[in-house]
Amino acid sequence: MKYGYKGKAFADTKTTLGKETLTDLFYSMLRIRRIEEGVEAHYHEDEMKTPIHLVIGQEASCVGACAPLSKEDLVYASHRTHGVYLAKGGDLKAMLSEFFCRKNGCAGSRGGSMHLIDQSVGMAGSSAICGGNVPIAVGLALAAKLQGVKRVNMCTFGDGAAEEGVVWEAINFAALKKLPVVFFCENNFFSVFTPLYKRQPENVELWKKAEAFGATSRVVDGSNVVEVYEAVAKAREGALSGDGPYFVESRVYRWRGHGGAGDDNSKGYRDPAELVDWKKVCPIESYFNFLKSNHLLSDADRAEMEEEIAREFEEAYDFARNSPEPDESDLATHVYSERIQYEVNKDAVGRSTH
């Protein structure tokens, strides 16, 4: 196995986080898992007219990354955006409505799964362009510094994006200007169907490359939500204190295929035994066992959470499915074009642009 699990799960985990924070982290992870499973279960019905990229297996990474952030801190995500959107506080009904391309979707039916946004909770947006969100997050950080606004800007991206030149240019610029950015790289070892070892020299580590560009960097076990949380909390504090950018590499493993519903091991690009190995340390089950053994959560507590999440998903799914379609008259809203400014009557409006 090339990418078998190499973490320690929760064997050596010690933390000063309180019970409320620790149990909230579990609820958020469980909620994302069940919502993703619900979306996956319905996807074959072909009513959700958007590509999807599930985060099943990566819940600890996105929850641990977003939980330490404030509502004012901005996150700009990549194409695998569901978990980040929900962990940052995005609205489930608005997200599912976007999947159905409904008028009340969080992007007004214009973006689909890969372009989720909710500015009210600091979800600044997301981009399907590999690495395209990274310089945008850096630009937002530059704007904040120039305006004297005290906030951190985070961008989440995968190991595939770390092969785009613009990512390293952005990290270099952020380090040069000491910008308050947290670069959060979810390294799941695959870019679509191509494993990391076929794309990069075997002894090259992403976090060390970022360190060479001047970013304070570290690698974490992306299956351990406490480890991720504490690393990002420290990065946020340092970035706000003027240290400049931080780079956190979170090593994870996606359980499902690159895109769509279900597994894609039949493509032959990865060893099925790898997935079996990683599932043995499921980020949710291993964390639940940690909480239970420390008398912070019981089976009854979990059952209550499961019921609450199931009710929420069914209500949100029905809401989204029955929400109104976009209006044709709204087609050009938010669309930018160069316009020739001259007097026209209503009948000539359609001929006034080029």
Protein backbone atom coordinates (compact mmCIF):
# COMPACT_ATOMS: atom_id res chain seq x y z
CA MET A 1 0.00 0.00 0.00
CA LYS A 2 1.40 3.37 -1.02
CA TYR A 3 -0.78 5.54 1.21
CA GLY A 4 -1.76 3.42 4.19
CA TYR A 5 -2.74 5.27 7.35
CA LYS A 6 0.36 6.53 9.15
CA GLY A 7 -1.18 8.51 12.00
CA LYS A 8 -1.77 7.40 15.57
CA ALA A 9 -5.53 8.06 15.69
CA PHE A 10 -6.21 9.29 19.24
CA ALA A 11 -3.75 7.04 21.07
CA ASP A 12 -1.58 9.92 22.30
CA THR A 13 -4.07 12.79 22.11
CA LYS A 14 -4.06 15.20 25.03
CA THR A 15 -5.88 18.49 24.90
CA THR A 16 -6.95 21.44 27.00
CA LEU A 17 -10.09 22.01 24.92
CA GLY A 18 -13.30 21.99 26.97
CA LYS A 19 -16.13 19.50 26.77
CA GLU A 20 -18.42 21.82 24.81
CA THR A 21 -15.83 22.43 22.09
CA LEU A 22 -14.89 18.76 21.89
CA THR A 23 -18.49 17.57 21.56
CA ASP A 24 -19.32 20.35 19.09
CA LEU A 25 -16.49 19.14 16.88
CA PHE A 26 -17.98 15.64 16.90
CA TYR A 27 -21.46 16.90 16.08
CA SER A 28 -20.18 18.95 13.18
CA MET A 29 -18.24 15.99 11.76
CA LEU A 30 -21.17 13.60 12.16
CA ARG A 31 -23.53 16.13 10.59
CA ILE A 32 -21.33 16.54 7.52
CA ARG A 33 -20.98 12.76 7.13
CA ARG A 34 -24.73 12.14 7.28
CA ILE A 35 -25.53 15.05 4.96
CA GLU A 36 -22.99 13.80 2.41
CA GLU A 37 -24.40 10.28 2.65
CA GLY A 38 -27.90 11.69 2.15
CA VAL A 39 -26.82 13.62 -0.94
CA GLU A 40 -25.06 10.54 -2.28
CA ALA A 41 -28.13 8.34 -1.70
CA HIS A 42 -30.33 10.67 -3.80
CA TYR A 43 -27.83 11.64 -6.46
CA HIS A 44 -28.75 8.80 -8.84
CA GLU A 45 -32.25 10.30 -9.17
CA ASP A 46 -30.64 12.94 -11.39
CA GLU A 47 -32.62 15.83 -9.93
CA MET A 48 -29.55 17.54 -8.49
CA LYS A 49 -28.14 19.10 -11.62
CA THR A 50 -24.62 19.73 -10.45
CA PRO A 51 -21.38 17.77 -10.21
CA ILE A 52 -20.52 16.85 -6.62
CA HIS A 53 -17.23 16.18 -4.85
CA LEU A 54 -17.90 14.43 -1.55
CA VAL A 55 -15.77 14.88 1.57
CA ILE A 56 -16.68 11.54 3.16
CA GLY A 57 -13.59 10.45 5.10
CA GLN A 58 -12.22 14.02 5.30
CA GLU A 59 -14.65 15.45 7.88
CA ALA A 60 -12.06 15.92 10.62
CA SER A 61 -9.94 18.03 8.31
CA CYS A 62 -12.59 20.53 7.23
CA VAL A 63 -14.18 20.79 10.69
CA GLY A 64 -10.83 21.17 12.44
CA ALA A 65 -9.85 23.87 9.94
CA CYS A 66 -13.00 25.97 10.26
CA ALA A 67 -13.97 25.59 13.91
CA PRO A 68 -11.19 27.86 15.30
CA LEU A 69 -12.12 30.68 12.91
CA SER A 70 -14.41 33.57 13.77
CA LYS A 71 -17.43 34.50 11.67
CA GLU A 72 -15.47 37.50 10.40
CA ASP A 73 -12.56 35.38 9.19
CA LEU A 74 -12.96 34.64 5.49
CA VAL A 75 -12.63 31.24 3.84
CA TYR A 76 -12.21 30.71 0.13
CA ALA A 77 -12.51 27.03 -0.79
CA SER A 78 -11.68 24.78 -3.70
CA HIS A 79 -14.03 22.50 -5.68
CA ARG A 80 -14.44 19.99 -2.78
CA THR A 81 -16.38 22.51 -0.80
CA HIS A 82 -19.38 20.93 0.99
CA GLY A 83 -17.59 20.20 4.26
CA VAL A 84 -15.92 23.60 4.47
CA TYR A 85 -19.19 25.38 3.69
CA LEU A 86 -21.09 23.52 6.42
CA ALA A 87 -18.26 23.73 8.95
CA LYS A 88 -18.04 27.51 8.45
CA GLY A 89 -21.74 27.83 9.25
CA GLY A 90 -23.25 27.82 5.74
CA ASP A 91 -27.00 27.23 5.44
CA LEU A 92 -27.93 23.63 4.61
CA LYS A 93 -31.19 24.54 2.88
CA ALA A 94 -29.38 27.08 0.71
CA MET A 95 -26.67 24.54 -0.13
CA LEU A 96 -29.10 21.82 -1.17
CA SER A 97 -31.18 24.35 -3.10
CA GLU A 98 -28.02 25.22 -5.02
CA PHE A 99 -27.55 21.54 -5.84
CA PHE A 100 -31.05 21.54 -7.33
CA CYS A 101 -30.27 24.80 -9.20
CA ARG A 102 -33.08 26.59 -7.42
CA LYS A 103 -33.66 30.31 -7.18
CA ASN A 104 -32.95 30.39 -3.44
CA GLY A 105 -29.68 28.46 -3.67
CA CYS A 106 -26.74 30.06 -1.91
CA ALA A 107 -25.38 31.16 -5.31
CA GLY A 108 -28.82 31.75 -6.82
CA SER A 109 -28.51 28.59 -8.99
CA ARG A 110 -25.47 30.08 -10.73
CA GLY A 111 -22.70 28.07 -9.13
CA GLY A 112 -23.73 24.58 -8.13
CA SER A 113 -21.76 22.41 -5.73
CA MET A 114 -18.34 23.83 -6.60
CA HIS A 115 -19.21 27.51 -6.04
CA LEU A 116 -20.85 27.70 -2.61
CA ILE A 117 -20.92 31.04 -0.83
CA ASP A 118 -22.37 32.59 2.32
CA GLN A 119 -20.86 35.94 3.15
CA SER A 120 -22.91 36.23 6.35
CA VAL A 121 -20.74 33.56 7.99
CA GLY A 122 -17.46 34.37 6.25
CA MET A 123 -17.71 31.78 3.50
CA ALA A 124 -16.30 34.12 0.88
CA GLY A 125 -16.76 31.69 -1.98
CA SER A 126 -15.16 28.76 -3.75
CA SER A 127 -13.64 28.05 -7.12
CA ALA A 128 -13.58 25.04 -9.44
CA ILE A 129 -10.31 26.27 -10.93
CA CYS A 130 -7.52 24.18 -9.40
CA GLY A 131 -5.58 26.58 -7.19
CA GLY A 132 -7.62 29.54 -8.42
CA ASN A 133 -8.91 30.37 -4.96
CA VAL A 134 -5.44 30.77 -3.45
CA PRO A 135 -4.41 34.15 -4.95
CA ILE A 136 -7.94 35.45 -4.30
CA ALA A 137 -7.58 34.65 -0.60
CA VAL A 138 -4.21 36.39 -0.59
CA GLY A 139 -5.76 39.43 -2.26
CA LEU A 140 -8.47 39.52 0.40
CA ALA A 141 -5.75 39.38 3.05
CA LEU A 142 -3.87 42.27 1.43
CA ALA A 143 -7.09 44.29 1.38
CA ALA A 144 -7.69 43.56 5.06
CA LYS A 145 -4.17 44.65 5.99
CA LEU A 146 -4.42 47.88 3.99
CA GLN A 147 -7.82 48.64 5.52
CA GLY A 148 -6.68 47.84 9.04
CA VAL A 149 -9.27 45.08 9.38
CA LYS A 150 -8.35 42.45 11.97
CA ARG A 151 -9.16 39.12 10.40
CA VAL A 152 -7.58 36.01 8.96
CA ASN A 153 -8.17 34.72 5.46
CA MET A 154 -8.01 30.99 4.85
CA CYS A 155 -7.88 29.14 1.56
CA THR A 156 -8.41 25.40 1.37
CA PHE A 157 -7.00 23.37 -1.49
CA GLY A 158 -5.70 19.91 -2.32
CA ASP A 159 -2.38 18.40 -3.26
CA GLY A 160 -3.26 18.79 -6.94
CA ALA A 161 -3.48 22.56 -6.55
CA ALA A 162 -0.02 22.53 -5.00
CA GLU A 163 1.30 21.82 -8.50
CA GLU A 164 0.00 25.12 -9.84
CA GLY A 165 2.56 27.89 -10.07
CA VAL A 166 0.13 30.53 -8.89
CA VAL A 167 -0.14 28.80 -5.51
CA TRP A 168 3.56 29.24 -4.79
CA GLU A 169 3.56 32.76 -6.18
CA ALA A 170 0.72 33.58 -3.79
CA ILE A 171 2.52 32.01 -0.82
CA ASN A 172 5.69 33.94 -1.70
CA PHE A 173 3.75 37.23 -1.92
CA ALA A 174 1.93 36.56 1.36
CA ALA A 175 5.24 35.86 3.11
CA LEU A 176 6.87 38.93 1.59
CA LYS A 177 4.05 41.21 2.77
CA LYS A 178 3.45 39.28 6.04
CA LEU A 179 -0.22 38.85 5.21
CA PRO A 180 -2.65 37.15 7.64
CA VAL A 181 -3.34 34.05 5.54
CA VAL A 182 -3.72 30.41 6.53
CA PHE A 183 -2.99 28.12 3.59
CA PHE A 184 -4.79 24.87 4.40
CA CYS A 185 -3.75 22.03 2.11
CA GLU A 186 -5.85 18.87 2.34
CA ASN A 187 -3.45 16.31 0.95
CA ASN A 188 -5.55 13.25 0.07
CA PHE A 189 -2.74 11.91 -2.16
CA PHE A 190 -4.70 11.97 -5.42
CA SER A 191 -5.41 14.48 -8.15
CA VAL A 192 -8.47 12.95 -9.84
CA PHE A 193 -7.06 9.49 -10.74
CA THR A 194 -3.33 10.23 -10.46
CA PRO A 195 -1.52 9.44 -7.21
CA LEU A 196 0.89 11.90 -5.66
CA TYR A 197 3.97 9.71 -6.17
CA LYS A 198 3.42 9.83 -9.95
CA ARG A 199 3.23 13.62 -9.94
CA GLN A 200 5.89 14.72 -7.49
CA PRO A 201 9.31 13.45 -6.34
CA GLU A 202 8.78 10.97 -3.53
CA ASN A 203 10.88 12.76 -0.91
CA VAL A 204 9.34 16.19 -1.46
CA GLU A 205 6.89 17.24 1.27
CA LEU A 206 4.39 20.01 0.65
CA TRP A 207 4.68 21.68 4.05
CA LYS A 208 8.46 21.86 3.72
CA LYS A 209 8.14 23.49 0.30
CA ALA A 210 5.86 26.13 1.85
CA GLU A 211 8.37 26.63 4.65
CA ALA A 212 11.05 27.33 2.06
CA PHE A 213 8.88 30.15 0.71
CA GLY A 214 8.77 31.78 4.15
CA ALA A 215 5.47 30.50 5.56
CA THR A 216 5.40 29.04 9.06
CA SER A 217 4.49 25.45 8.24
CA ARG A 218 3.52 22.14 9.78
CA VAL A 219 1.90 18.82 8.88
CA VAL A 220 -0.99 17.28 10.83
CA ASP A 221 -2.92 14.02 10.94
CA GLY A 222 -6.09 15.00 9.06
CA SER A 223 -8.03 12.15 10.69
CA ASN A 224 -7.54 13.70 14.14
CA VAL A 225 -9.88 16.65 14.49
CA VAL A 226 -8.26 17.83 17.73
CA GLU A 227 -4.81 17.95 16.14
CA VAL A 228 -6.14 19.87 13.14
CA TYR A 229 -8.11 22.28 15.34
CA GLU A 230 -5.16 23.11 17.56
CA ALA A 231 -2.81 23.60 14.60
CA VAL A 232 -5.20 26.00 12.87
CA ALA A 233 -5.97 27.85 16.11
CA LYS A 234 -2.25 28.44 16.58
CA ALA A 235 -1.87 29.48 12.93
CA ARG A 236 -4.75 31.93 13.24
CA GLU A 237 -3.28 33.48 16.37
CA GLY A 238 0.13 33.83 14.76
CA ALA A 239 -1.24 35.29 11.54
CA LEU A 240 -3.26 37.88 13.48
CA SER A 241 -0.18 38.76 15.53
CA GLY A 242 1.75 39.76 12.43
CA ASP A 243 3.82 36.62 11.88
CA GLY A 244 2.74 36.43 8.26
CA PRO A 245 1.21 33.41 6.56
CA TYR A 246 0.93 29.89 7.93
CA PHE A 247 0.76 26.69 5.91
CA VAL A 248 -0.96 23.60 7.36
CA GLU A 249 -0.77 20.33 5.45
CA SER A 250 -3.56 18.00 6.57
CA ARG A 251 -3.02 14.42 5.42
CA VAL A 252 -6.34 12.76 4.72
CA TYR A 253 -7.90 10.14 2.44
CA ARG A 254 -11.09 10.47 0.46
CA TRP A 255 -13.30 7.42 0.76
CA ARG A 256 -15.36 8.11 -2.33
CA GLY A 257 -14.36 8.82 -5.88
CA HIS A 258 -12.96 12.10 -7.11
CA GLY A 259 -16.39 13.23 -8.26
CA GLY A 260 -19.94 11.96 -8.17
CA ALA A 261 -21.45 9.33 -5.90
CA GLY A 262 -19.92 6.01 -4.90
CA ASP A 263 -16.45 4.54 -5.04
CA ASP A 264 -14.26 4.45 -8.15
CA ASN A 265 -11.70 1.80 -7.21
CA SER A 266 -12.73 -0.10 -10.34
CA LYS A 267 -10.72 2.48 -12.31
CA GLY A 268 -7.62 0.75 -10.98
CA TYR A 269 -5.77 3.87 -9.92
CA ARG A 270 -5.53 2.98 -6.23
CA ASP A 271 -5.20 -0.15 -4.15
CA PRO A 272 -8.56 -1.03 -2.50
CA ALA A 273 -6.57 -2.17 0.54
CA GLU A 274 -5.59 1.46 1.15
CA LEU A 275 -9.21 2.41 1.68
CA VAL A 276 -9.72 -0.54 4.04
CA ASP A 277 -6.68 0.58 6.01
CA TRP A 278 -7.89 4.17 6.34
CA LYS A 279 -11.43 3.14 7.26
CA LYS A 280 -10.05 1.33 10.30
CA VAL A 281 -9.33 4.77 11.74
CA CYS A 282 -12.52 6.48 10.60
CA PRO A 283 -12.20 10.10 11.79
CA ILE A 284 -15.69 9.98 13.26
CA GLU A 285 -15.65 6.57 14.93
CA SER A 286 -12.14 6.95 16.34
CA TYR A 287 -13.02 10.37 17.73
CA PHE A 288 -16.28 9.08 19.22
CA ASN A 289 -14.36 6.30 20.95
CA PHE A 290 -11.95 8.91 22.32
CA LEU A 291 -14.80 11.02 23.68
CA LYS A 292 -16.64 8.03 25.08
CA SER A 293 -13.56 6.65 26.85
CA ASN A 294 -13.04 10.07 28.44
CA HIS A 295 -16.70 10.19 29.56
CA LEU A 296 -17.47 13.20 27.36
CA LEU A 297 -20.09 11.56 25.14
CA SER A 298 -22.35 8.53 25.48
CA ASP A 299 -24.12 6.22 23.06
CA ALA A 300 -27.39 7.91 24.05
CA ASP A 301 -25.92 11.34 23.28
CA ARG A 302 -24.86 10.14 19.86
CA ALA A 303 -28.25 8.58 19.11
CA GLU A 304 -29.90 11.89 19.89
CA MET A 305 -27.51 13.68 17.54
CA GLU A 306 -28.21 11.14 14.79
CA GLU A 307 -31.95 11.73 15.05
CA GLU A 308 -31.57 15.51 15.01
CA ILE A 309 -29.32 15.43 11.94
CA ALA A 310 -31.63 13.03 10.09
CA ARG A 311 -34.61 15.33 10.69
CA GLU A 312 -32.64 18.36 9.57
CA PHE A 313 -31.50 16.70 6.36
CA GLU A 314 -34.95 15.44 5.37
CA GLU A 315 -36.50 18.85 6.00
CA ALA A 316 -33.76 20.65 4.06
CA TYR A 317 -33.89 18.14 1.20
CA ASP A 318 -37.67 18.51 0.80
CA PHE A 319 -37.33 22.28 1.04
CA ALA A 320 -34.69 22.38 -1.70
CA ARG A 321 -36.47 19.94 -3.99
CA ASN A 322 -39.68 21.97 -3.83
CA SER A 323 -38.09 25.40 -4.07
CA PRO A 324 -38.83 27.63 -7.08
CA GLU A 325 -36.88 27.52 -10.31
CA PRO A 326 -34.88 30.62 -11.34
CA ASP A 327 -36.72 33.37 -13.20
CA GLU A 328 -35.74 33.95 -16.81
CA SER A 329 -35.87 37.68 -16.16
CA ASP A 330 -33.05 37.23 -13.64
CA LEU A 331 -30.69 35.64 -16.18
CA ALA A 332 -28.46 38.68 -16.64
CA THR A 333 -28.30 39.69 -12.95
CA HIS A 334 -24.68 39.82 -11.70
CA VAL A 335 -23.44 39.33 -15.27
CA TYR A 336 -20.80 41.88 -16.20
CA SER A 337 -20.41 43.15 -19.74
CA GLU A 338 -19.05 46.28 -21.35
CA ARG A 339 -22.01 48.45 -22.20
CA ILE A 340 -22.37 51.25 -24.72
CA GLN A 341 -24.07 54.03 -22.81
CA TYR A 342 -26.74 55.75 -24.85
CA GLU A 343 -30.44 56.41 -24.67
CA VAL A 344 -32.56 53.43 -25.60
CA ASN A 345 -36.14 52.54 -25.09
CA LYS A 346 -37.24 49.32 -23.37
CA ASP A 347 -37.64 47.44 -26.61
CA ALA A 348 -34.03 48.16 -27.61
CA VAL A 349 -32.37 47.16 -24.34
CA GLY A 350 -31.40 43.74 -25.69
CA ARG A 351 -29.46 45.38 -28.55
CA SER A 352 -27.60 47.88 -26.39
CA THR A 353 -24.76 45.63 -25.27
CA HIS A 354 -21.89 44.07 -27.14
